[in-house]
C-alpha atoms as a PDB file:
ATOM      1  CA  MET A   1     -19.251 -10.761  71.787  1.00  0.00           C
ATOM      2  CA  ALA A   2     -22.095 -13.152  72.633  1.00  0.00           C
ATOM      3  CA  ALA A   3     -24.892 -13.476  70.132  1.00  0.00           C
ATOM      4  CA  LYS A   4     -27.912 -11.368  70.889  1.00  0.00           C
ATOM      5  CA  ASN A   5     -30.850 -13.256  72.363  1.00  0.00           C
ATOM      6  CA  PRO A   6     -33.905 -13.572  70.109  1.00  0.00           C
ATOM      7  CA  THR A   7     -36.961 -11.591  71.199  1.00  0.00           C
ATOM      8  CA  ALA A   8     -40.619 -12.520  71.537  1.00  0.00           C
ATOM      9  CA  CYS A   9     -44.059 -10.946  71.559  1.00  0.00           C
ATOM     10  CA  LEU A  10     -47.250 -12.504  72.917  1.00  0.00           C
ATOM     11  CA  LEU A  11     -50.697 -11.730  71.532  1.00  0.00           C
ATOM     12  CA  VAL A  12     -53.518 -12.656  73.900  1.00  0.00           C
ATOM     13  CA  ILE A  13     -56.578 -12.857  71.674  1.00  0.00           C
ATOM     14  CA  GLY A  14     -60.124 -12.821  72.995  1.00  0.00           C
ATOM     15  CA  ASN A  15     -63.031 -10.565  73.863  1.00  0.00           C
ATOM     16  CA  GLU A  16     -63.482 -12.506  77.097  1.00  0.00           C
ATOM     17  CA  VAL A  17     -60.116 -11.301  78.400  1.00  0.00           C
ATOM     18  CA  LEU A  18     -60.781  -7.671  77.494  1.00  0.00           C
ATOM     19  CA  SER A  19     -64.228  -7.789  79.101  1.00  0.00           C
ATOM     20  CA  GLY A  20     -62.798  -9.070  82.370  1.00  0.00           C
ATOM     21  CA  ARG A  21     -64.857 -12.263  82.288  1.00  0.00           C
ATOM     22  CA  THR A  22     -61.714 -14.378  81.897  1.00  0.00           C
ATOM     23  CA  ARG A  23     -58.506 -13.770  83.821  1.00  0.00           C
ATOM     24  CA  ASP A  24     -55.497 -14.512  81.634  1.00  0.00           C
ATOM     25  CA  ALA A  25     -53.254 -17.175  83.147  1.00  0.00           C
ATOM     26  CA  ASN A  26     -50.847 -17.594  80.248  1.00  0.00           C
ATOM     27  CA  ILE A  27     -48.699 -14.469  80.301  1.00  0.00           C
ATOM     28  CA  GLN A  28     -46.635 -15.299  83.385  1.00  0.00           C
ATOM     29  CA  PHE A  29     -46.240 -18.952  82.380  1.00  0.00           C
ATOM     30  CA  LEU A  30     -44.914 -18.048  78.931  1.00  0.00           C
ATOM     31  CA  ALA A  31     -42.735 -15.204  80.203  1.00  0.00           C
ATOM     32  CA  VAL A  32     -40.977 -17.596  82.589  1.00  0.00           C
ATOM     33  CA  GLY A  33     -40.748 -20.393  80.012  1.00  0.00           C
ATOM     34  CA  LEU A  34     -39.375 -18.108  77.324  1.00  0.00           C
ATOM     35  CA  GLY A  35     -36.821 -16.657  79.728  1.00  0.00           C
ATOM     36  CA  GLU A  36     -35.566 -20.148  80.501  1.00  0.00           C
ATOM     37  CA  ARG A  37     -35.088 -20.684  76.767  1.00  0.00           C
ATOM     38  CA  GLY A  38     -33.186 -17.417  76.446  1.00  0.00           C
ATOM     39  CA  ILE A  39     -35.993 -15.692  74.545  1.00  0.00           C
ATOM     40  CA  PRO A  40     -36.984 -12.558  76.469  1.00  0.00           C
ATOM     41  CA  LEU A  41     -40.641 -11.597  76.186  1.00  0.00           C
ATOM     42  CA  ARG A  42     -40.495  -7.942  75.146  1.00  0.00           C
ATOM     43  CA  GLU A  43     -44.142  -7.150  74.541  1.00  0.00           C
ATOM     44  CA  VAL A  44     -47.625  -8.446  75.369  1.00  0.00           C
ATOM     45  CA  ARG A  45     -50.788  -7.217  73.680  1.00  0.00           C
ATOM     46  CA  VAL A  46     -54.374  -8.161  74.475  1.00  0.00           C
ATOM     47  CA  ILE A  47     -56.546  -7.763  71.400  1.00  0.00           C
ATOM     48  CA  PRO A  48     -60.197  -8.512  70.549  1.00  0.00           C
ATOM     49  CA  ASP A  49     -61.721 -11.075  68.210  1.00  0.00           C
ATOM     50  CA  VAL A  50     -61.824  -8.557  65.368  1.00  0.00           C
ATOM     51  CA  PRO A  51     -60.387  -9.741  62.030  1.00  0.00           C
ATOM     52  CA  GLU A  52     -58.803  -6.459  60.987  1.00  0.00           C
ATOM     53  CA  THR A  53     -57.170  -6.027  64.406  1.00  0.00           C
ATOM     54  CA  ILE A  54     -55.770  -9.562  64.468  1.00  0.00           C
ATOM     55  CA  ILE A  55     -54.463  -9.420  60.903  1.00  0.00           C
ATOM     56  CA  ASN A  56     -52.837  -6.007  61.272  1.00  0.00           C
ATOM     57  CA  THR A  57     -51.327  -6.797  64.668  1.00  0.00           C
ATOM     58  CA  VAL A  58     -49.881 -10.144  63.543  1.00  0.00           C
ATOM     59  CA  ASN A  59     -48.261  -8.496  60.538  1.00  0.00           C
ATOM     60  CA  GLU A  60     -46.870  -5.671  62.647  1.00  0.00           C
ATOM     61  CA  VAL A  61     -45.304  -7.791  65.368  1.00  0.00           C
ATOM     62  CA  ARG A  62     -44.003 -10.619  63.178  1.00  0.00           C
ATOM     63  CA  ALA A  63     -41.870  -8.041  61.387  1.00  0.00           C
ATOM     64  CA  LYS A  64     -40.613  -6.619  64.676  1.00  0.00           C
ATOM     65  CA  PHE A  65     -39.867  -9.692  66.800  1.00  0.00           C
ATOM     66  CA  ASP A  66     -38.045 -12.983  66.215  1.00  0.00           C
ATOM     67  CA  TYR A  67     -40.928 -14.972  67.689  1.00  0.00           C
ATOM     68  CA  VAL A  68     -44.632 -14.206  67.935  1.00  0.00           C
ATOM     69  CA  PHE A  69     -46.862 -16.386  70.120  1.00  0.00           C
ATOM     70  CA  THR A  70     -50.630 -16.157  70.207  1.00  0.00           C
ATOM     71  CA  THR A  71     -53.073 -17.652  72.694  1.00  0.00           C
ATOM     72  CA  GLY A  72     -56.815 -17.985  72.207  1.00  0.00           C
ATOM     73  CA  GLY A  73     -59.258 -18.142  69.355  1.00  0.00           C
ATOM     74  CA  ILE A  74     -58.599 -21.600  67.892  1.00  0.00           C
ATOM     75  CA  GLY A  75     -61.642 -23.443  69.238  1.00  0.00           C
ATOM     76  CA  PRO A  76     -64.788 -24.566  67.355  1.00  0.00           C
ATOM     77  CA  THR A  77     -67.123 -21.586  67.841  1.00  0.00           C
ATOM     78  CA  HIS A  78     -67.930 -18.679  65.537  1.00  0.00           C
ATOM     79  CA  ASP A  79     -65.750 -16.223  67.463  1.00  0.00           C
ATOM     80  CA  ASP A  80     -62.666 -18.465  67.250  1.00  0.00           C
ATOM     81  CA  ILE A  81     -61.153 -16.693  64.258  1.00  0.00           C
ATOM     82  CA  THR A  82     -57.432 -16.587  65.034  1.00  0.00           C
ATOM     83  CA  SER A  83     -56.493 -19.321  62.570  1.00  0.00           C
ATOM     84  CA  GLU A  84     -58.224 -17.810  59.547  1.00  0.00           C
ATOM     85  CA  CYS A  85     -56.905 -14.355  60.440  1.00  0.00           C
ATOM     86  CA  VAL A  86     -53.330 -15.627  60.579  1.00  0.00           C
ATOM     87  CA  ALA A  87     -53.865 -17.171  57.142  1.00  0.00           C
ATOM     88  CA  ALA A  88     -55.031 -13.778  55.868  1.00  0.00           C
ATOM     89  CA  ALA A  89     -52.022 -12.084  57.479  1.00  0.00           C
ATOM     90  CA  PHE A  90     -49.674 -14.381  55.580  1.00  0.00           C
ATOM     91  CA  GLY A  91     -51.720 -14.181  52.385  1.00  0.00           C
ATOM     92  CA  VAL A  92     -52.237 -17.949  52.134  1.00  0.00           C
ATOM     93  CA  PRO A  93     -55.396 -20.096  51.895  1.00  0.00           C
ATOM     94  CA  TRP A  94     -57.141 -21.287  55.044  1.00  0.00           C
ATOM     95  CA  GLU A  95     -57.719 -24.948  54.317  1.00  0.00           C
ATOM     96  CA  PRO A  96     -57.965 -28.435  55.839  1.00  0.00           C
ATOM     97  CA  HIS A  97     -54.592 -29.409  57.254  1.00  0.00           C
ATOM     98  CA  PRO A  98     -53.336 -32.628  55.636  1.00  0.00           C
ATOM     99  CA  ILE A  99     -52.370 -34.173  58.984  1.00  0.00           C
ATOM    100  CA  ALA A 100     -54.708 -32.585  61.494  1.00  0.00           C
ATOM    101  CA  TRP A 101     -57.903 -33.150  59.463  1.00  0.00           C
ATOM    102  CA  PRO A 102     -57.709 -36.979  59.109  1.00  0.00           C
ATOM    103  CA  ARG A 103     -56.403 -37.330  62.640  1.00  0.00           C
ATOM    104  CA  MET A 104     -59.286 -35.391  64.140  1.00  0.00           C
ATOM    105  CA  GLU A 105     -61.822 -37.081  61.877  1.00  0.00           C
ATOM    106  CA  ALA A 106     -60.615 -40.466  63.131  1.00  0.00           C
ATOM    107  CA  ALA A 107     -60.861 -39.334  66.757  1.00  0.00           C
ATOM    108  CA  TYR A 108     -64.636 -38.780  66.589  1.00  0.00           C
ATOM    109  CA  LYS A 109     -67.464 -41.191  66.058  1.00  0.00           C
ATOM    110  CA  PRO A 110     -69.026 -41.177  62.580  1.00  0.00           C
ATOM    111  CA  GLY A 111     -70.993 -37.978  62.088  1.00  0.00           C
ATOM    112  CA  GLU A 112     -69.463 -36.187  65.097  1.00  0.00           C
ATOM    113  CA  PHE A 113     -66.678 -34.488  63.164  1.00  0.00           C
ATOM    114  CA  ASN A 114     -69.063 -31.670  62.325  1.00  0.00           C
ATOM    115  CA  ALA A 115     -68.449 -28.265  60.763  1.00  0.00           C
ATOM    116  CA  ALA A 116     -67.597 -26.692  64.119  1.00  0.00           C
ATOM    117  CA  ARG A 117     -64.922 -29.276  64.907  1.00  0.00           C
ATOM    118  CA  GLN A 118     -63.620 -29.117  61.360  1.00  0.00           C
ATOM    119  CA  ARG A 119     -62.649 -25.502  62.032  1.00  0.00           C
ATOM    120  CA  MET A 120     -60.017 -26.753  64.494  1.00  0.00           C
ATOM    121  CA  ALA A 121     -58.413 -28.821  61.710  1.00  0.00           C
ATOM    122  CA  THR A 122     -58.441 -25.951  59.212  1.00  0.00           C
ATOM    123  CA  MET A 123     -55.239 -23.901  59.139  1.00  0.00           C
ATOM    124  CA  PRO A 124     -53.097 -21.639  56.965  1.00  0.00           C
ATOM    125  CA  ARG A 125     -51.528 -23.522  54.080  1.00  0.00           C
ATOM    126  CA  GLY A 126     -48.013 -24.665  54.986  1.00  0.00           C
ATOM    127  CA  SER A 127     -48.577 -24.746  58.741  1.00  0.00           C
ATOM    128  CA  ALA A 128     -46.629 -27.123  60.973  1.00  0.00           C
ATOM    129  CA  LEU A 129     -48.523 -28.603  63.907  1.00  0.00           C
ATOM    130  CA  ILE A 130     -47.919 -27.843  67.582  1.00  0.00           C
ATOM    131  CA  GLU A 131     -48.873 -30.982  69.460  1.00  0.00           C
ATOM    132  CA  ASN A 132     -50.308 -31.408  72.950  1.00  0.00           C
ATOM    133  CA  THR A 133     -51.146 -34.343  75.192  1.00  0.00           C
ATOM    134  CA  ILE A 134     -54.472 -32.967  76.412  1.00  0.00           C
ATOM    135  CA  SER A 135     -56.519 -32.450  73.273  1.00  0.00           C
ATOM    136  CA  VAL A 136     -56.628 -33.948  69.810  1.00  0.00           C
ATOM    137  CA  ALA A 137     -56.832 -30.428  68.360  1.00  0.00           C
ATOM    138  CA  PRO A 138     -53.315 -29.039  67.753  1.00  0.00           C
ATOM    139  CA  GLY A 139     -51.926 -25.548  67.511  1.00  0.00           C
ATOM    140  CA  PHE A 140     -49.787 -24.566  64.552  1.00  0.00           C
ATOM    141  CA  GLN A 141     -46.764 -22.611  63.416  1.00  0.00           C
ATOM    142  CA  ILE A 142     -46.310 -20.591  60.238  1.00  0.00           C
ATOM    143  CA  GLY A 143     -43.238 -18.461  59.697  1.00  0.00           C
ATOM    144  CA  ASN A 144     -42.254 -17.002  63.057  1.00  0.00           C
ATOM    145  CA  VAL A 145     -45.829 -17.094  64.401  1.00  0.00           C
ATOM    146  CA  TYR A 146     -46.832 -19.817  66.873  1.00  0.00           C
ATOM    147  CA  VAL A 147     -50.575 -20.177  67.470  1.00  0.00           C
ATOM    148  CA  MET A 148     -51.639 -21.894  70.682  1.00  0.00           C
ATOM    149  CA  ALA A 149     -54.777 -22.554  72.698  1.00  0.00           C
ATOM    150  CA  GLY A 150     -56.121 -20.084  75.233  1.00  0.00           C
ATOM    151  CA  VAL A 151     -57.118 -22.749  77.776  1.00  0.00           C
ATOM    152  CA  PRO A 152     -54.127 -22.716  80.155  1.00  0.00           C
ATOM    153  CA  ARG A 153     -53.817 -26.475  80.617  1.00  0.00           C
ATOM    154  CA  ILE A 154     -53.812 -27.101  76.866  1.00  0.00           C
ATOM    155  CA  MET A 155     -51.529 -24.143  76.132  1.00  0.00           C
ATOM    156  CA  GLN A 156     -49.027 -25.386  78.711  1.00  0.00           C
ATOM    157  CA  SER A 157     -49.024 -28.829  77.120  1.00  0.00           C
ATOM    158  CA  MET A 158     -48.396 -27.228  73.723  1.00  0.00           C
ATOM    159  CA  TRP A 159     -45.537 -25.231  75.211  1.00  0.00           C
ATOM    160  CA  GLU A 160     -43.945 -28.331  76.714  1.00  0.00           C
ATOM    161  CA  TRP A 161     -43.905 -29.883  73.239  1.00  0.00           C
ATOM    162  CA  LEU A 162     -42.798 -26.718  71.474  1.00  0.00           C
ATOM    163  CA  SER A 163     -40.155 -25.230  73.761  1.00  0.00           C
ATOM    164  CA  PRO A 164     -37.338 -27.741  73.078  1.00  0.00           C
ATOM    165  CA  ARG A 165     -37.784 -27.056  69.358  1.00  0.00           C
ATOM    166  CA  LEU A 166     -37.224 -23.311  69.638  1.00  0.00           C
ATOM    167  CA  GLU A 167     -33.839 -21.772  68.956  1.00  0.00           C
ATOM    168  CA  GLY A 168     -33.103 -19.625  71.969  1.00  0.00           C
ATOM    169  CA  GLY A 169     -30.158 -17.826  73.466  1.00  0.00           C
ATOM    170  CA  GLN A 170     -28.582 -17.580  76.872  1.00  0.00           C
ATOM    171  CA  LYS A 171     -30.997 -18.253  79.725  1.00  0.00           C
ATOM    172  CA  ILE A 172     -32.339 -15.074  81.248  1.00  0.00           C
ATOM    173  CA  GLU A 173     -30.921 -14.946  84.761  1.00  0.00           C
ATOM    174  CA  MET A 174     -32.740 -13.032  87.504  1.00  0.00           C
ATOM    175  CA  ARG A 175     -31.488 -12.065  90.946  1.00  0.00           C
ATOM    176  CA  THR A 176     -33.696 -10.355  93.537  1.00  0.00           C
ATOM    177  CA  VAL A 177     -33.240  -8.722  96.920  1.00  0.00           C
ATOM    178  CA  HIS A 178     -36.004  -7.231  99.100  1.00  0.00           C
ATOM    179  CA  ALA A 179     -35.947  -4.357 101.536  1.00  0.00           C
ATOM    180  CA  MET A 180     -38.648  -3.480 104.052  1.00  0.00           C
ATOM    181  CA  GLY A 181     -39.449   0.176 104.686  1.00  0.00           C
ATOM    182  CA  LEU A 182     -37.330   1.518 101.823  1.00  0.00           C
ATOM    183  CA  PRO A 183     -39.271   3.937  99.558  1.00  0.00           C
ATOM    184  CA  GLU A 184     -38.416   3.979  95.850  1.00  0.00           C
ATOM    185  CA  GLY A 185     -37.937   7.721  95.918  1.00  0.00           C
ATOM    186  CA  ILE A 186     -34.991   7.355  98.306  1.00  0.00           C
ATOM    187  CA  ILE A 187     -33.100   4.877  96.125  1.00  0.00           C
ATOM    188  CA  ALA A 188     -34.046   6.059  92.630  1.00  0.00           C
ATOM    189  CA  GLU A 189     -30.797   7.947  91.964  1.00  0.00           C
ATOM    190  CA  ASP A 190     -28.568   5.169  93.293  1.00  0.00           C
ATOM    191  CA  LEU A 191     -30.492   2.544  91.335  1.00  0.00           C
ATOM    192  CA  GLY A 192     -30.158   4.580  88.154  1.00  0.00           C
ATOM    193  CA  ALA A 193     -26.406   4.675  88.663  1.00  0.00           C
ATOM    194  CA  VAL A 194     -26.332   0.858  88.952  1.00  0.00           C
ATOM    195  CA  GLN A 195     -28.261   0.608  85.697  1.00  0.00           C
ATOM    196  CA  LYS A 196     -25.694   2.809  83.944  1.00  0.00           C
ATOM    197  CA  ARG A 197     -22.887   0.560  85.161  1.00  0.00           C
ATOM    198  CA  TYR A 198     -24.708  -2.534  83.875  1.00  0.00           C
ATOM    199  CA  PRO A 199     -26.306  -1.485  80.550  1.00  0.00           C
ATOM    200  CA  ASP A 200     -26.816  -5.105  79.457  1.00  0.00           C
ATOM    201  CA  LEU A 201     -29.055  -5.832  82.450  1.00  0.00           C
ATOM    202  CA  ASP A 202     -32.607  -4.809  83.220  1.00  0.00           C
ATOM    203  CA  ILE A 203     -32.551  -3.246  86.690  1.00  0.00           C
ATOM    204  CA  GLY A 204     -35.988  -2.778  88.233  1.00  0.00           C
ATOM    205  CA  SER A 205     -37.688  -1.807  91.494  1.00  0.00           C
ATOM    206  CA  TYR A 206     -41.124  -3.103  92.431  1.00  0.00           C
ATOM    207  CA  PRO A 207     -42.829  -1.784  95.581  1.00  0.00           C
ATOM    208  CA  PHE A 208     -45.025  -4.109  97.628  1.00  0.00           C
ATOM    209  CA  TYR A 209     -47.578  -3.511 100.348  1.00  0.00           C
ATOM    210  CA  ARG A 210     -48.146  -6.186 102.986  1.00  0.00           C
ATOM    211  CA  ALA A 211     -49.571  -6.524 106.454  1.00  0.00           C
ATOM    212  CA  SER A 212     -46.034  -6.848 107.776  1.00  0.00           C
ATOM    213  CA  GLY A 213     -45.051  -3.533 106.201  1.00  0.00           C
ATOM    214  CA  ASN A 214     -44.214  -1.884 102.906  1.00  0.00           C
ATOM    215  CA  GLY A 215     -41.038  -2.384 100.964  1.00  0.00           C
ATOM    216  CA  VAL A 216     -39.470  -2.827  97.583  1.00  0.00           C
ATOM    217  CA  ALA A 217     -38.188  -5.746  95.530  1.00  0.00           C
ATOM    218  CA  LEU A 218     -35.042  -4.912  93.575  1.00  0.00           C
ATOM    219  CA  VAL A 219     -34.274  -7.032  90.538  1.00  0.00           C
ATOM    220  CA  ALA A 220     -31.309  -7.511  88.187  1.00  0.00           C
ATOM    221  CA  LYS A 221     -32.134  -9.503  85.075  1.00  0.00           C
ATOM    222  CA  GLY A 222     -30.172 -10.492  81.969  1.00  0.00           C
ATOM    223  CA  PRO A 223     -28.375 -13.322  80.150  1.00  0.00           C
ATOM    224  CA  ASP A 224     -25.112 -13.035  82.164  1.00  0.00           C
ATOM    225  CA  ALA A 225     -25.414 -14.690  85.583  1.00  0.00           C
ATOM    226  CA  ALA A 226     -22.161 -13.252  86.908  1.00  0.00           C
ATOM    227  CA  MET A 227     -23.186  -9.758  85.892  1.00  0.00           C
ATOM    228  CA  ALA A 228     -26.592 -10.148  87.550  1.00  0.00           C
ATOM    229  CA  GLU A 229     -24.872 -11.373  90.735  1.00  0.00           C
ATOM    230  CA  ALA A 230     -22.515  -8.405  90.709  1.00  0.00           C
ATOM    231  CA  ALA A 231     -25.320  -5.915  90.202  1.00  0.00           C
ATOM    232  CA  ILE A 232     -27.483  -7.369  92.962  1.00  0.00           C
ATOM    233  CA  ALA A 233     -24.451  -7.304  95.278  1.00  0.00           C
ATOM    234  CA  GLU A 234     -24.127  -3.566  94.658  1.00  0.00           C
ATOM    235  CA  ILE A 235     -27.851  -3.113  95.234  1.00  0.00           C
ATOM    236  CA  THR A 236     -27.604  -5.079  98.479  1.00  0.00           C
ATOM    237  CA  GLN A 237     -24.875  -2.730  99.698  1.00  0.00           C
ATOM    238  CA  MET A 238     -27.050   0.209  98.677  1.00  0.00           C
ATOM    239  CA  ILE A 239     -29.824  -1.107 100.930  1.00  0.00           C
ATOM    240  CA  VAL A 240     -27.368  -1.370 103.827  1.00  0.00           C
ATOM    241  CA  HIS A 241     -26.126   2.155 103.124  1.00  0.00           C
ATOM    242  CA  HIS A 242     -29.683   3.407 103.592  1.00  0.00           C
ATOM    243  CA  GLY A 243     -29.915   1.703 106.978  1.00  0.00           C
ATOM    244  CA  LYS A 244     -32.143  -1.213 105.974  1.00  0.00           C
ATOM    245  CA  VAL A 245     -31.654  -4.980 106.153  1.00  0.00           C
ATOM    246  CA  PRO A 246     -31.514  -6.804 102.792  1.00  0.00           C
ATOM    247  CA  LEU A 247     -33.786  -9.851 102.570  1.00  0.00           C
ATOM    248  CA  GLN A 248     -32.710 -12.551 100.139  1.00  0.00           C
ATOM    249  CA  GLY A 249     -35.978 -14.479 100.375  1.00  0.00           C
ATOM    250  CA  GLU A 250     -39.543 -13.276 100.110  1.00  0.00           C
ATOM    251  CA  PRO A 251     -40.572 -10.957 102.960  1.00  0.00           C
ATOM    252  CA  PRO A 252     -43.250 -12.285 105.326  1.00  0.00           C
ATOM    253  CA  ASP A 253     -46.889 -11.785 104.368  1.00  0.00           C
ATOM    254  CA  VAL A 254     -48.035 -11.032 107.918  1.00  0.00           C
END
């Protein structure tokens, strides 16, 4: 029997996301990247910049998942409190990092490495750095918690550095077929039967609404490519059985 893939949770931290002022752009990127590493993203939570909430949530999910990733809250301002909250969650001091502090101090002109910037070089004791090519300020890892920037460009650079260093499983394979004019209610029973035949896959249906007409995207997802192919072949035949034409590519927008 193949080893079970490790699982992941993402914590999106920031009042600006919850208020609607900032549209999160990191969830899809990380979900795809984790899937390619064979680490399915099983849960995403968006939480505020509230110490008790961050501490309690980190402790809850790090006990539940193999990997926990956080985005946001590691900048220089007063509401960037993720780092100190993670230290509190692990019960360790929040202190100048022995590598990040001198590196960042050297990157600024004399007198410019002020108290605000020093916050970005202060981390839980024992943290390992997560590097990036965009900013001198790194993320960090402690235990199974990986703390990254909320700014998408910087977070993506951190991920590019981090991802090869993660121990994953089999790549999550996904196969999709589309059908125009096929309501979910018509295929629900048949689709449920496919799911029962392939318990190791995630079988899903996702309706769409376009100028060219309504339809549904049918997806088979899991670590076994052959199994996903077999399931989507059955689903394709199901579409034909209901008198519709399966579309292997994306349906037209107009």
